[in-house]
Structure formats: structure tokens, C-alpha cells
């Protein structure tokens, strides 16, 4: 089973959230406080709060502080004792944390913006560029799916986004093979001008998406 938890930070200030840094190990608190923009601090903290929510909701975790995070060679975070895997993403007013109970997972959320598709010719395949120009594929759909695969893979942009192609037309929950690994894909819109995607090493047709509010999140994290 795969789970996607989302939260909207619109109308929530860093001043309201700052006290909840206590759920983080000291090194993670230091990383947040090195950020210059309050909205970036809020996004980072909410992502970690969503992760703690997942640990309590699905893994009977009892501590009120997040366990230490480990990082792979490409700086993808993981928790060594956690079954399955998690991944965090944020854009604009939205933060998302995805959890797979068994497989590896990557998630990406994007806010739809005006764009010049010609600026992306070095990171997309020719077939993908043509599909977008012919309105056979939305750019936001393509890009969230690509980033989700890259994050699930764990190498970040060391896996070039134009080194693999998505099926066109895209069918939700369909698999794609990248460097010998099979990733199952799930894509959805979650709000006006926002969309997200996950890539998982196990099938995604049983994915559950849930939106939380700040009160739900804090109540669960501190119980």
C-alpha cells in the first residue's frame, strides 16, 4: 500500500510553526534555521511533521521526536529502521510526504507556471517535446512524473531526465523501466494549478491520498 499525505501552508506563518521544531533532531533544526526565507522554513518543517505523522500512524512510533535521518551518497534521506520508504516534496503553498510500506518511492509536487517549452529541449526527449507541443501531454504531468522517478531512483539528477522516456499517452498506474528498474506511476491534481506524482517499485493502483490540516498534524505528532 502507498500513502500520500498533503498539507497546505496558505495562511500559516513561520511564527506559528517555529515552536514545533522540537520534534526534530538538533542537526535538522540547524538546517532549517540556516534557510533565509520563512516560507522555506515552514515547508521544511511541515515535511518533517508529515513524516513523523506517518511513523505514528502506520508504524506505532511513540516518541515525540523524529528519529535521526540518514542520507545516501546522493543526499536522499531515509530512516534505517523504517520498513519501506518515504519521500518529501513541496511547491508553493503545498507540502507532501509519500510512504510506501514495501517498496522504494519518490514523490514530486509542482505548481503550474507559464513556460516556454523550447527551454526544456535539453532535459526532455524529442517525443516528449512533440507530445507537449501537440497537446497530447501536459508539461506539469510529464515533469512531476520524471522527477518522481528520479527521486525514487535515489540518484537525483545524476539520472538525467532525458535518459528515459515516459509512455505516451500516459496511463495512470502504468510501469516504466529505467536503467533496469521498474517504476509504477501515479499522477493526480490536488488543487488549482498544483499536481503531484509518485513513482514506486510496487504497484500504485492502491494509493491513498489524504489532506491534513495543521491541527490534525500537530495533535497526532504530539500524542
N, C-alpha and C. Protein backbone atom coordinates (compact mmCIF):
# COMPACT_ATOMS: atom_id res chain seq x y z
N UNK A 1 0.84 -1.19 0.00
CA UNK A 1 0.00 0.00 0.00
C UNK A 1 0.88 1.25 0.00
N UNK A 2 0.46 2.26 -0.73
CA UNK A 2 1.17 3.53 -0.78
C UNK A 2 0.26 4.64 -0.26
N UNK A 3 0.85 5.57 0.48
CA UNK A 3 0.10 6.66 1.07
C UNK A 3 0.75 7.99 0.69
N UNK A 4 -0.10 8.97 0.40
CA UNK A 4 0.36 10.33 0.12
C UNK A 4 -0.37 11.27 1.07
N UNK A 5 0.39 11.97 1.90
CA UNK A 5 -0.19 12.94 2.83
C UNK A 5 0.21 14.33 2.39
N UNK A 6 -0.79 15.22 2.31
CA UNK A 6 -0.55 16.59 1.85
C UNK A 6 -1.03 17.58 2.90
N UNK A 7 -0.42 18.77 2.86
CA UNK A 7 -0.86 19.86 3.73
C UNK A 7 -0.63 21.18 3.02
N UNK A 8 -1.55 22.11 3.21
CA UNK A 8 -1.45 23.43 2.59
C UNK A 8 -1.03 24.43 3.68
N UNK A 9 0.03 25.18 3.39
CA UNK A 9 0.51 26.14 4.39
C UNK A 9 -0.01 27.56 4.16
N UNK A 10 -0.94 27.71 3.21
CA UNK A 10 -1.51 29.04 2.97
C UNK A 10 -2.13 29.59 4.25
N UNK A 11 -1.72 30.79 4.64
CA UNK A 11 -2.27 31.42 5.82
C UNK A 11 -1.62 31.02 7.12
N UNK A 12 -0.60 30.14 7.04
CA UNK A 12 0.11 29.69 8.24
C UNK A 12 1.49 30.34 8.24
N UNK A 13 1.83 31.04 9.30
CA UNK A 13 3.10 31.76 9.36
C UNK A 13 4.17 30.92 10.04
N UNK A 14 5.42 31.27 9.77
CA UNK A 14 6.53 30.60 10.44
C UNK A 14 6.48 30.85 11.95
N UNK A 15 6.02 32.01 12.35
CA UNK A 15 5.91 32.30 13.78
C UNK A 15 5.00 31.30 14.49
N UNK A 16 3.96 30.82 13.78
CA UNK A 16 3.07 29.83 14.36
C UNK A 16 3.69 28.44 14.41
N UNK A 17 4.62 28.17 13.53
CA UNK A 17 5.18 26.82 13.41
C UNK A 17 6.51 26.65 14.13
N UNK A 18 7.23 27.73 14.35
CA UNK A 18 8.62 27.65 14.82
C UNK A 18 8.77 26.82 16.08
N UNK A 19 7.80 26.88 16.99
CA UNK A 19 7.91 26.17 18.26
C UNK A 19 7.94 24.65 18.07
N UNK A 20 7.43 24.18 16.93
CA UNK A 20 7.35 22.74 16.71
C UNK A 20 8.65 22.14 16.19
N UNK A 21 9.70 22.96 16.09
CA UNK A 21 11.00 22.44 15.69
C UNK A 21 11.51 21.40 16.69
N UNK A 22 10.94 21.40 17.89
CA UNK A 22 11.39 20.46 18.92
C UNK A 22 11.19 19.00 18.51
N UNK A 23 10.37 18.76 17.47
CA UNK A 23 10.18 17.37 17.02
C UNK A 23 11.38 16.89 16.23
N UNK A 24 12.31 17.77 15.91
CA UNK A 24 13.44 17.42 15.06
C UNK A 24 14.71 17.18 15.86
N UNK A 25 15.57 16.26 15.40
CA UNK A 25 16.92 16.19 15.96
C UNK A 25 17.62 17.53 15.76
N UNK A 26 18.58 17.83 16.61
CA UNK A 26 19.23 19.14 16.60
C UNK A 26 19.82 19.48 15.23
N UNK A 27 20.43 18.51 14.56
CA UNK A 27 21.06 18.80 13.27
C UNK A 27 20.03 19.23 12.24
N UNK A 28 18.81 18.65 12.29
CA UNK A 28 17.76 19.04 11.35
C UNK A 28 17.21 20.42 11.70
N UNK A 29 17.16 20.76 12.99
CA UNK A 29 16.76 22.11 13.38
C UNK A 29 17.75 23.14 12.84
N UNK A 30 19.03 22.81 12.91
CA UNK A 30 20.06 23.72 12.42
C UNK A 30 19.92 23.95 10.91
N UNK A 31 19.60 22.89 10.18
CA UNK A 31 19.43 23.02 8.72
C UNK A 31 18.27 23.97 8.40
N UNK A 32 17.18 23.84 9.14
CA UNK A 32 16.03 24.71 8.90
C UNK A 32 16.38 26.17 9.19
N UNK A 33 17.07 26.40 10.28
CA UNK A 33 17.37 27.78 10.68
C UNK A 33 18.44 28.43 9.81
N UNK A 34 19.11 27.64 8.98
CA UNK A 34 20.04 28.20 8.01
C UNK A 34 19.32 28.74 6.77
N UNK A 35 18.05 28.37 6.62
CA UNK A 35 17.27 28.86 5.49
C UNK A 35 16.93 30.33 5.71
N UNK A 36 16.94 31.12 4.64
CA UNK A 36 16.74 32.56 4.77
C UNK A 36 15.26 32.96 4.77
N UNK A 37 14.44 32.25 4.00
CA UNK A 37 13.04 32.64 3.85
C UNK A 37 12.16 31.86 4.81
N UNK A 38 11.24 32.58 5.48
CA UNK A 38 10.36 31.92 6.43
C UNK A 38 9.50 30.85 5.78
N UNK A 39 9.03 31.10 4.54
CA UNK A 39 8.22 30.08 3.87
C UNK A 39 9.01 28.81 3.63
N UNK A 40 10.30 28.93 3.32
CA UNK A 40 11.14 27.74 3.14
C UNK A 40 11.29 26.98 4.46
N UNK A 41 11.43 27.71 5.56
CA UNK A 41 11.50 27.07 6.87
C UNK A 41 10.20 26.32 7.16
N UNK A 42 9.06 26.95 6.85
CA UNK A 42 7.76 26.32 7.09
C UNK A 42 7.61 25.05 6.26
N UNK A 43 7.99 25.10 4.99
CA UNK A 43 7.87 23.92 4.13
C UNK A 43 8.73 22.78 4.65
N UNK A 44 9.96 23.11 5.03
CA UNK A 44 10.87 22.07 5.51
C UNK A 44 10.35 21.43 6.80
N UNK A 45 9.88 22.24 7.73
CA UNK A 45 9.36 21.70 8.98
C UNK A 45 8.10 20.89 8.76
N UNK A 46 7.19 21.37 7.93
CA UNK A 46 5.95 20.63 7.68
C UNK A 46 6.23 19.28 7.02
N UNK A 47 7.22 19.23 6.16
CA UNK A 47 7.59 17.95 5.55
C UNK A 47 8.02 16.94 6.61
N UNK A 48 8.79 17.40 7.59
CA UNK A 48 9.24 16.51 8.67
C UNK A 48 8.09 16.15 9.60
N UNK A 49 7.18 17.09 9.84
CA UNK A 49 5.99 16.78 10.64
C UNK A 49 5.14 15.72 9.95
N UNK A 50 5.00 15.81 8.64
CA UNK A 50 4.26 14.78 7.90
C UNK A 50 4.93 13.42 8.03
N UNK A 51 6.26 13.41 8.01
CA UNK A 51 6.98 12.15 8.18
C UNK A 51 6.75 11.57 9.57
N UNK A 52 6.78 12.41 10.61
CA UNK A 52 6.50 11.93 11.96
C UNK A 52 5.07 11.41 12.06
N UNK A 53 4.14 12.10 11.39
CA UNK A 53 2.74 11.65 11.35
C UNK A 53 2.67 10.23 10.77
N UNK A 54 3.40 9.98 9.69
CA UNK A 54 3.40 8.66 9.05
C UNK A 54 3.96 7.60 10.01
N UNK A 55 5.05 7.92 10.68
CA UNK A 55 5.64 6.96 11.63
C UNK A 55 4.65 6.60 12.72
N UNK A 56 3.92 7.59 13.24
CA UNK A 56 2.96 7.33 14.31
C UNK A 56 1.71 6.61 13.78
N UNK A 57 1.27 7.01 12.60
CA UNK A 57 0.04 6.45 12.04
C UNK A 57 0.21 5.02 11.56
N UNK A 58 1.34 4.72 10.96
CA UNK A 58 1.50 3.42 10.29
C UNK A 58 2.48 2.48 10.97
N UNK A 59 3.35 3.01 11.84
CA UNK A 59 4.40 2.16 12.39
C UNK A 59 4.43 2.18 13.93
N UNK A 60 3.36 2.68 14.55
CA UNK A 60 3.23 2.68 16.01
C UNK A 60 4.43 3.33 16.71
N UNK A 61 4.97 4.35 16.08
CA UNK A 61 6.10 5.07 16.67
C UNK A 61 5.58 5.93 17.81
N UNK A 62 6.25 5.89 18.98
CA UNK A 62 5.70 6.53 20.17
C UNK A 62 6.43 7.80 20.58
N UNK A 63 7.66 7.97 20.16
CA UNK A 63 8.42 9.15 20.58
C UNK A 63 7.84 10.41 19.95
N UNK A 64 8.02 11.55 20.62
CA UNK A 64 7.51 12.82 20.10
C UNK A 64 8.57 13.55 19.29
N UNK A 65 9.72 12.91 19.05
CA UNK A 65 10.76 13.50 18.22
C UNK A 65 11.09 12.55 17.07
N UNK A 66 11.29 13.12 15.91
CA UNK A 66 11.64 12.35 14.72
C UNK A 66 12.97 11.63 14.95
N UNK A 67 13.11 10.37 14.54
CA UNK A 67 14.42 9.71 14.66
C UNK A 67 15.43 10.37 13.72
N UNK A 68 16.69 10.08 13.94
CA UNK A 68 17.74 10.64 13.09
C UNK A 68 17.55 10.20 11.64
N UNK A 69 17.76 11.13 10.74
CA UNK A 69 17.70 10.83 9.32
C UNK A 69 19.09 10.45 8.82
N UNK A 70 19.13 9.43 7.95
CA UNK A 70 20.35 9.07 7.25
C UNK A 70 20.23 9.57 5.82
N UNK A 71 21.35 9.68 5.12
CA UNK A 71 21.35 10.17 3.75
C UNK A 71 22.23 9.27 2.89
N UNK A 72 21.73 8.93 1.69
CA UNK A 72 22.56 8.12 0.81
C UNK A 72 23.64 8.99 0.16
N UNK A 73 24.41 8.38 -0.73
CA UNK A 73 25.53 9.08 -1.37
C UNK A 73 25.08 10.32 -2.14
N UNK A 74 23.80 10.32 -2.56
CA UNK A 74 23.26 11.45 -3.34
C UNK A 74 22.36 12.34 -2.48
N UNK A 75 22.44 12.18 -1.16
CA UNK A 75 21.74 13.03 -0.18
C UNK A 75 20.23 12.80 -0.13
N UNK A 76 19.77 11.62 -0.58
CA UNK A 76 18.37 11.27 -0.38
C UNK A 76 18.19 10.77 1.05
N UNK A 77 17.27 11.36 1.83
CA UNK A 77 17.10 10.95 3.23
C UNK A 77 16.37 9.62 3.36
N UNK A 78 16.70 8.89 4.43
CA UNK A 78 15.98 7.66 4.77
C UNK A 78 16.15 7.42 6.27
N UNK A 79 15.30 6.56 6.81
CA UNK A 79 15.40 6.14 8.20
C UNK A 79 15.75 4.67 8.19
N UNK A 80 16.90 4.33 8.76
CA UNK A 80 17.45 2.98 8.64
C UNK A 80 16.50 1.90 9.17
N UNK A 81 15.75 2.21 10.23
CA UNK A 81 14.88 1.21 10.86
C UNK A 81 13.46 1.21 10.30
N UNK A 82 13.20 2.00 9.30
CA UNK A 82 11.83 2.17 8.79
C UNK A 82 11.54 1.15 7.69
N UNK A 83 10.51 0.31 7.86
CA UNK A 83 10.11 -0.56 6.75
C UNK A 83 9.61 0.27 5.57
N UNK A 84 9.92 -0.16 4.36
CA UNK A 84 9.50 0.61 3.20
C UNK A 84 10.34 1.86 3.05
N UNK A 85 9.73 2.91 2.50
CA UNK A 85 10.48 4.15 2.29
C UNK A 85 9.54 5.34 2.23
N UNK A 86 10.13 6.54 2.35
CA UNK A 86 9.35 7.77 2.28
C UNK A 86 10.06 8.75 1.36
N UNK A 87 9.33 9.78 0.96
CA UNK A 87 9.93 10.86 0.20
C UNK A 87 9.08 12.12 0.40
N UNK A 88 9.73 13.27 0.43
CA UNK A 88 9.07 14.56 0.71
C UNK A 88 9.28 15.50 -0.47
N UNK A 89 8.26 16.31 -0.76
CA UNK A 89 8.38 17.33 -1.79
C UNK A 89 7.51 18.52 -1.40
N UNK A 90 7.82 19.70 -1.94
CA UNK A 90 6.98 20.86 -1.69
C UNK A 90 7.08 21.83 -2.86
N UNK A 91 6.03 22.61 -3.02
CA UNK A 91 5.98 23.65 -4.05
C UNK A 91 4.92 24.66 -3.65
N UNK A 92 5.27 25.93 -3.70
CA UNK A 92 4.29 26.97 -3.38
C UNK A 92 3.69 26.77 -2.00
N UNK A 93 2.37 26.65 -1.94
CA UNK A 93 1.66 26.52 -0.68
C UNK A 93 1.52 25.08 -0.19
N UNK A 94 2.05 24.11 -0.94
CA UNK A 94 1.78 22.71 -0.63
C UNK A 94 3.04 21.94 -0.26
N UNK A 95 2.87 21.04 0.71
CA UNK A 95 3.92 20.12 1.13
C UNK A 95 3.33 18.72 1.11
N UNK A 96 4.12 17.74 0.67
CA UNK A 96 3.63 16.37 0.54
C UNK A 96 4.71 15.40 1.02
N UNK A 97 4.26 14.35 1.71
CA UNK A 97 5.14 13.25 2.09
C UNK A 97 4.47 11.95 1.66
N UNK A 98 5.18 11.14 0.89
CA UNK A 98 4.65 9.87 0.40
C UNK A 98 5.36 8.72 1.11
N UNK A 99 4.62 7.66 1.37
CA UNK A 99 5.16 6.50 2.08
C UNK A 99 4.73 5.22 1.39
N UNK A 100 5.68 4.34 1.13
CA UNK A 100 5.41 3.01 0.62
C UNK A 100 5.73 2.00 1.70
N UNK A 101 4.79 1.11 2.00
CA UNK A 101 5.01 0.14 3.06
C UNK A 101 6.05 -0.92 2.69
N UNK A 102 6.28 -1.10 1.38
CA UNK A 102 7.19 -2.17 0.97
C UNK A 102 8.29 -1.71 0.03
N UNK A 103 7.97 -0.84 -0.92
CA UNK A 103 8.93 -0.53 -1.96
C UNK A 103 9.64 0.80 -1.78
N UNK A 104 10.46 1.12 -2.75
CA UNK A 104 11.09 2.42 -2.83
C UNK A 104 10.11 3.40 -3.48
N UNK A 105 10.13 4.65 -3.03
CA UNK A 105 9.15 5.62 -3.53
C UNK A 105 9.80 6.99 -3.72
N UNK A 106 9.32 7.71 -4.71
CA UNK A 106 9.70 9.09 -4.94
C UNK A 106 8.44 9.90 -5.20
N UNK A 107 8.41 11.14 -4.75
CA UNK A 107 7.24 12.00 -4.96
C UNK A 107 7.71 13.37 -5.42
N UNK A 108 6.91 13.98 -6.28
CA UNK A 108 7.17 15.36 -6.68
C UNK A 108 5.86 16.10 -6.79
N UNK A 109 5.85 17.34 -6.32
CA UNK A 109 4.69 18.22 -6.48
C UNK A 109 5.17 19.48 -7.18
N UNK A 110 4.36 20.00 -8.08
CA UNK A 110 4.72 21.19 -8.85
C UNK A 110 3.52 22.12 -8.94
N UNK A 111 3.81 23.39 -9.06
CA UNK A 111 2.80 24.42 -9.30
C UNK A 111 2.86 24.80 -10.77
N UNK A 112 1.72 24.79 -11.43
CA UNK A 112 1.69 25.11 -12.86
C UNK A 112 2.07 26.57 -13.08
N UNK A 113 3.01 26.78 -13.99
CA UNK A 113 3.52 28.11 -14.28
C UNK A 113 3.56 28.31 -15.79
N UNK A 114 3.50 29.57 -16.26
CA UNK A 114 3.72 29.82 -17.69
C UNK A 114 5.13 29.34 -18.06
N UNK A 115 5.28 28.76 -19.24
CA UNK A 115 6.59 28.26 -19.60
C UNK A 115 6.80 28.35 -21.10
N UNK A 116 8.07 28.36 -21.47
CA UNK A 116 8.48 28.25 -22.86
C UNK A 116 9.08 26.86 -23.04
N UNK A 117 8.34 25.98 -23.68
CA UNK A 117 8.75 24.59 -23.77
C UNK A 117 10.10 24.43 -24.47
N UNK A 118 10.47 25.37 -25.31
CA UNK A 118 11.75 25.27 -26.01
C UNK A 118 12.94 25.34 -25.05
N UNK A 119 12.71 25.90 -23.87
CA UNK A 119 13.78 25.98 -22.88
C UNK A 119 14.11 24.62 -22.26
N UNK A 120 13.27 23.61 -22.54
CA UNK A 120 13.44 22.30 -21.93
C UNK A 120 13.97 21.25 -22.92
N UNK A 121 14.45 21.70 -24.06
CA UNK A 121 14.84 20.73 -25.09
C UNK A 121 16.02 19.87 -24.67
N UNK A 122 16.81 20.32 -23.68
CA UNK A 122 17.97 19.54 -23.24
C UNK A 122 17.63 18.52 -22.16
N UNK A 123 16.43 18.60 -21.59
CA UNK A 123 16.10 17.68 -20.50
C UNK A 123 14.92 16.77 -20.82
N UNK A 124 14.31 16.93 -22.00
CA UNK A 124 13.22 16.06 -22.42
C UNK A 124 13.60 15.37 -23.72
N UNK A 125 12.97 14.22 -23.96
CA UNK A 125 13.19 13.54 -25.23
C UNK A 125 12.43 14.26 -26.34
N UNK A 126 12.81 14.02 -27.57
CA UNK A 126 12.13 14.65 -28.71
C UNK A 126 10.66 14.27 -28.75
N UNK A 127 10.36 12.99 -28.47
CA UNK A 127 8.97 12.54 -28.48
C UNK A 127 8.14 13.27 -27.42
N UNK A 128 8.74 13.50 -26.26
CA UNK A 128 8.03 14.21 -25.19
C UNK A 128 7.80 15.67 -25.55
N UNK A 129 8.80 16.31 -26.12
CA UNK A 129 8.64 17.70 -26.56
C UNK A 129 7.52 17.82 -27.58
N UNK A 130 7.50 16.91 -28.54
CA UNK A 130 6.47 16.94 -29.58
C UNK A 130 5.08 16.67 -29.00
N UNK A 131 5.00 15.76 -28.03
CA UNK A 131 3.71 15.45 -27.41
C UNK A 131 3.15 16.66 -26.67
N UNK A 132 4.02 17.42 -26.02
CA UNK A 132 3.57 18.63 -25.31
C UNK A 132 3.13 19.69 -26.31
N UNK A 133 3.90 19.86 -27.39
CA UNK A 133 3.54 20.86 -28.40
C UNK A 133 2.20 20.52 -29.07
N UNK A 134 1.89 19.23 -29.17
CA UNK A 134 0.65 18.79 -29.82
C UNK A 134 -0.48 18.57 -28.82
N UNK A 135 -0.26 19.00 -27.57
CA UNK A 135 -1.27 18.88 -26.51
C UNK A 135 -1.68 17.44 -26.24
N UNK A 136 -0.76 16.51 -26.44
CA UNK A 136 -1.02 15.11 -26.10
C UNK A 136 -0.55 14.79 -24.68
N UNK A 137 0.15 15.72 -24.08
CA UNK A 137 0.69 15.52 -22.74
C UNK A 137 0.87 16.89 -22.09
N UNK A 138 0.45 17.02 -20.83
CA UNK A 138 0.67 18.27 -20.11
C UNK A 138 2.09 18.31 -19.56
N UNK A 139 2.72 19.46 -19.64
CA UNK A 139 4.08 19.57 -19.13
C UNK A 139 4.14 19.26 -17.64
N UNK A 140 3.17 19.77 -16.85
CA UNK A 140 3.20 19.54 -15.41
C UNK A 140 3.09 18.05 -15.09
N UNK A 141 2.32 17.33 -15.90
CA UNK A 141 2.21 15.89 -15.71
C UNK A 141 3.54 15.20 -16.02
N UNK A 142 4.11 15.55 -17.15
CA UNK A 142 5.37 14.96 -17.56
C UNK A 142 6.46 15.23 -16.53
N UNK A 143 6.58 16.48 -16.08
CA UNK A 143 7.70 16.84 -15.22
C UNK A 143 7.58 16.25 -13.82
N UNK A 144 6.36 16.22 -13.26
CA UNK A 144 6.20 15.60 -11.94
C UNK A 144 6.51 14.11 -12.00
N UNK A 145 6.10 13.44 -13.07
CA UNK A 145 6.40 12.02 -13.22
C UNK A 145 7.90 11.78 -13.36
N UNK A 146 8.56 12.60 -14.16
CA UNK A 146 10.01 12.45 -14.33
C UNK A 146 10.74 12.66 -13.00
N UNK A 147 10.38 13.71 -12.29
CA UNK A 147 11.05 13.99 -11.02
C UNK A 147 10.77 12.89 -9.99
N UNK A 148 9.55 12.37 -9.98
CA UNK A 148 9.23 11.28 -9.05
C UNK A 148 10.12 10.07 -9.31
N UNK A 149 10.32 9.74 -10.58
CA UNK A 149 11.19 8.61 -10.93
C UNK A 149 12.62 8.89 -10.48
N UNK A 150 13.10 10.09 -10.76
CA UNK A 150 14.47 10.47 -10.39
C UNK A 150 14.66 10.38 -8.88
N UNK A 151 13.66 10.80 -8.11
CA UNK A 151 13.77 10.76 -6.66
C UNK A 151 13.63 9.34 -6.12
N UNK A 152 12.76 8.54 -6.72
CA UNK A 152 12.65 7.14 -6.31
C UNK A 152 13.95 6.38 -6.57
N UNK A 153 14.56 6.66 -7.70
CA UNK A 153 15.83 6.03 -8.07
C UNK A 153 16.91 6.31 -7.03
N UNK A 154 16.87 7.50 -6.44
CA UNK A 154 17.79 7.82 -5.36
C UNK A 154 19.05 8.54 -5.78
N UNK A 155 19.25 8.72 -7.09
CA UNK A 155 20.46 9.40 -7.56
C UNK A 155 20.23 10.86 -7.89
N UNK A 156 18.99 11.33 -7.73
CA UNK A 156 18.70 12.71 -8.08
C UNK A 156 18.98 12.94 -9.56
N UNK A 157 19.47 14.14 -9.89
CA UNK A 157 19.69 14.48 -11.29
C UNK A 157 20.97 13.88 -11.85
N UNK A 158 21.61 13.00 -11.08
CA UNK A 158 22.66 12.17 -11.69
C UNK A 158 22.02 11.19 -12.68
N UNK A 159 20.72 10.96 -12.52
CA UNK A 159 19.93 10.26 -13.54
C UNK A 159 19.30 11.34 -14.41
N UNK A 160 19.84 11.54 -15.60
CA UNK A 160 19.38 12.63 -16.46
C UNK A 160 17.93 12.42 -16.89
N UNK A 161 17.08 13.45 -16.80
CA UNK A 161 15.67 13.29 -17.16
C UNK A 161 15.43 12.97 -18.64
N UNK A 162 16.40 13.26 -19.51
CA UNK A 162 16.22 12.90 -20.92
C UNK A 162 16.83 11.55 -21.26
N UNK A 163 17.29 10.82 -20.23
CA UNK A 163 17.88 9.50 -20.47
C UNK A 163 16.83 8.40 -20.47
N UNK A 164 15.59 8.76 -20.18
CA UNK A 164 14.49 7.80 -20.22
C UNK A 164 13.23 8.52 -20.69
N UNK A 165 12.30 7.75 -21.23
CA UNK A 165 11.08 8.33 -21.80
C UNK A 165 9.85 7.77 -21.09
N UNK A 166 8.83 8.61 -20.97
CA UNK A 166 7.55 8.17 -20.43
C UNK A 166 6.66 7.67 -21.56
N UNK A 167 5.77 6.72 -21.26
CA UNK A 167 4.84 6.26 -22.30
C UNK A 167 3.86 7.36 -22.69
N UNK A 168 3.60 7.49 -23.96
CA UNK A 168 2.67 8.50 -24.48
C UNK A 168 1.62 7.78 -25.33
N UNK A 169 0.33 7.90 -25.02
CA UNK A 169 -0.22 8.68 -23.89
C UNK A 169 0.05 7.98 -22.56
N UNK A 170 0.12 8.78 -21.51
CA UNK A 170 0.37 8.22 -20.18
C UNK A 170 -0.93 7.68 -19.60
N UNK A 171 -0.85 6.48 -19.02
CA UNK A 171 -1.98 5.86 -18.34
C UNK A 171 -1.61 5.68 -16.88
N UNK A 172 -2.43 6.20 -15.99
CA UNK A 172 -2.11 6.15 -14.57
C UNK A 172 -1.89 4.73 -14.10
N UNK A 173 -0.91 4.56 -13.22
CA UNK A 173 -0.50 3.30 -12.61
C UNK A 173 0.30 2.41 -13.57
N UNK A 174 0.65 2.94 -14.73
CA UNK A 174 1.43 2.16 -15.67
C UNK A 174 2.90 2.13 -15.25
N UNK A 175 3.63 1.05 -15.63
CA UNK A 175 5.04 0.95 -15.27
C UNK A 175 5.94 1.53 -16.36
N UNK A 176 7.13 1.94 -15.95
CA UNK A 176 8.16 2.35 -16.90
C UNK A 176 9.48 1.78 -16.40
N UNK A 177 10.31 1.30 -17.31
CA UNK A 177 11.59 0.73 -16.93
C UNK A 177 12.70 1.75 -17.16
N UNK A 178 13.49 1.99 -16.13
CA UNK A 178 14.58 2.97 -16.19
C UNK A 178 15.84 2.30 -15.63
N UNK A 179 16.86 2.17 -16.44
CA UNK A 179 18.11 1.54 -16.01
C UNK A 179 17.88 0.17 -15.38
N UNK A 180 16.94 -0.58 -15.94
CA UNK A 180 16.67 -1.93 -15.45
C UNK A 180 15.73 -1.99 -14.27
N UNK A 181 15.32 -0.86 -13.72
CA UNK A 181 14.37 -0.83 -12.60
C UNK A 181 12.98 -0.49 -13.11
N UNK A 182 11.98 -1.20 -12.60
CA UNK A 182 10.59 -0.95 -12.98
C UNK A 182 9.94 -0.05 -11.94
N UNK A 183 9.39 1.07 -12.42
CA UNK A 183 8.69 2.01 -11.55
C UNK A 183 7.23 2.11 -11.97
N UNK A 184 6.34 1.99 -11.00
CA UNK A 184 4.91 2.18 -11.24
C UNK A 184 4.57 3.63 -10.93
N UNK A 185 3.71 4.22 -11.75
CA UNK A 185 3.49 5.66 -11.71
C UNK A 185 2.04 6.02 -11.36
N UNK A 186 1.90 7.02 -10.53
CA UNK A 186 0.59 7.55 -10.16
C UNK A 186 0.67 9.07 -10.22
N UNK A 187 -0.33 9.69 -10.86
CA UNK A 187 -0.34 11.15 -11.02
C UNK A 187 -1.72 11.68 -10.70
N UNK A 188 -1.77 12.87 -10.06
CA UNK A 188 -3.07 13.48 -9.76
C UNK A 188 -2.92 14.98 -9.55
N UNK A 189 -4.00 15.70 -9.79
CA UNK A 189 -4.08 17.11 -9.41
C UNK A 189 -4.64 17.18 -8.00
N UNK A 190 -4.10 18.09 -7.18
CA UNK A 190 -4.58 18.17 -5.80
C UNK A 190 -5.23 19.50 -5.48
N UNK A 191 -5.02 20.49 -6.32
CA UNK A 191 -5.61 21.81 -6.12
C UNK A 191 -5.48 22.56 -7.43
N UNK A 192 -6.11 23.72 -7.50
CA UNK A 192 -5.98 24.54 -8.70
C UNK A 192 -4.51 24.85 -8.96
N UNK A 193 -4.02 24.44 -10.12
CA UNK A 193 -2.65 24.72 -10.57
C UNK A 193 -1.58 23.92 -9.83
N UNK A 194 -1.96 22.88 -9.08
CA UNK A 194 -0.98 22.03 -8.43
C UNK A 194 -1.23 20.57 -8.81
N UNK A 195 -0.14 19.83 -9.04
CA UNK A 195 -0.23 18.41 -9.34
C UNK A 195 0.94 17.69 -8.69
N UNK A 196 0.72 16.41 -8.43
CA UNK A 196 1.79 15.61 -7.86
C UNK A 196 1.85 14.25 -8.53
N UNK A 197 3.00 13.60 -8.38
CA UNK A 197 3.20 12.26 -8.92
C UNK A 197 4.05 11.46 -7.96
N UNK A 198 3.82 10.14 -7.94
CA UNK A 198 4.72 9.24 -7.25
C UNK A 198 5.21 8.19 -8.23
N UNK A 199 6.41 7.71 -7.97
CA UNK A 199 6.97 6.55 -8.66
C UNK A 199 7.35 5.56 -7.58
N UNK A 200 6.94 4.32 -7.73
CA UNK A 200 7.14 3.33 -6.69
C UNK A 200 7.55 1.99 -7.31
N UNK A 201 8.35 1.24 -6.57
CA UNK A 201 8.79 -0.06 -7.07
C UNK A 201 7.71 -1.13 -6.91
N UNK A 202 6.61 -0.79 -6.26
CA UNK A 202 5.45 -1.69 -6.17
C UNK A 202 4.25 -1.00 -6.81
N UNK A 203 3.22 -1.76 -7.22
CA UNK A 203 2.09 -1.16 -7.92
C UNK A 203 1.44 -0.01 -7.15
N UNK A 204 0.96 0.98 -7.91
CA UNK A 204 0.41 2.20 -7.31
C UNK A 204 -1.11 2.29 -7.40
N UNK A 205 -1.77 1.23 -7.88
CA UNK A 205 -3.22 1.33 -8.05
C UNK A 205 -3.96 1.26 -6.71
N UNK A 206 -3.23 1.01 -5.62
CA UNK A 206 -3.85 1.02 -4.29
C UNK A 206 -3.36 2.21 -3.46
N UNK A 207 -3.05 3.31 -4.14
CA UNK A 207 -2.54 4.50 -3.46
C UNK A 207 -3.67 5.28 -2.80
N UNK A 208 -3.43 5.71 -1.56
CA UNK A 208 -4.40 6.53 -0.81
C UNK A 208 -3.81 7.91 -0.60
N UNK A 209 -4.57 8.95 -0.95
CA UNK A 209 -4.14 10.33 -0.75
C UNK A 209 -5.02 10.97 0.31
N UNK A 210 -4.39 11.65 1.28
CA UNK A 210 -5.16 12.30 2.35
C UNK A 210 -4.59 13.68 2.62
N UNK A 211 -5.48 14.68 2.66
CA UNK A 211 -5.08 16.03 3.03
C UNK A 211 -5.28 16.23 4.52
N UNK A 212 -4.25 16.74 5.17
CA UNK A 212 -4.31 17.03 6.60
C UNK A 212 -4.37 18.54 6.83
N UNK A 213 -4.89 18.94 7.98
CA UNK A 213 -4.76 20.34 8.39
C UNK A 213 -3.75 20.43 9.53
N UNK A 214 -3.36 21.63 9.89
CA UNK A 214 -2.33 21.82 10.90
C UNK A 214 -2.73 21.18 12.23
N UNK A 215 -3.98 21.34 12.61
CA UNK A 215 -4.43 20.80 13.91
C UNK A 215 -4.31 19.28 13.94
N UNK A 216 -4.75 18.61 12.87
CA UNK A 216 -4.64 17.15 12.81
C UNK A 216 -3.18 16.72 12.91
N UNK A 217 -2.34 17.43 12.19
CA UNK A 217 -0.93 17.08 12.13
C UNK A 217 -0.27 17.21 13.50
N UNK A 218 -0.46 18.35 14.13
CA UNK A 218 0.17 18.60 15.43
C UNK A 218 -0.38 17.66 16.50
N UNK A 219 -1.68 17.45 16.51
CA UNK A 219 -2.30 16.58 17.51
C UNK A 219 -1.72 15.17 17.45
N UNK A 220 -1.58 14.63 16.24
CA UNK A 220 -1.04 13.28 16.07
C UNK A 220 0.44 13.22 16.44
N UNK A 221 1.20 14.23 16.02
CA UNK A 221 2.64 14.22 16.26
C UNK A 221 2.98 14.32 17.75
N UNK A 222 2.11 14.95 18.53
CA UNK A 222 2.41 15.13 19.95
C UNK A 222 1.61 14.21 20.85
N UNK A 223 0.95 13.22 20.26
CA UNK A 223 0.19 12.29 21.12
C UNK A 223 1.10 11.21 21.67
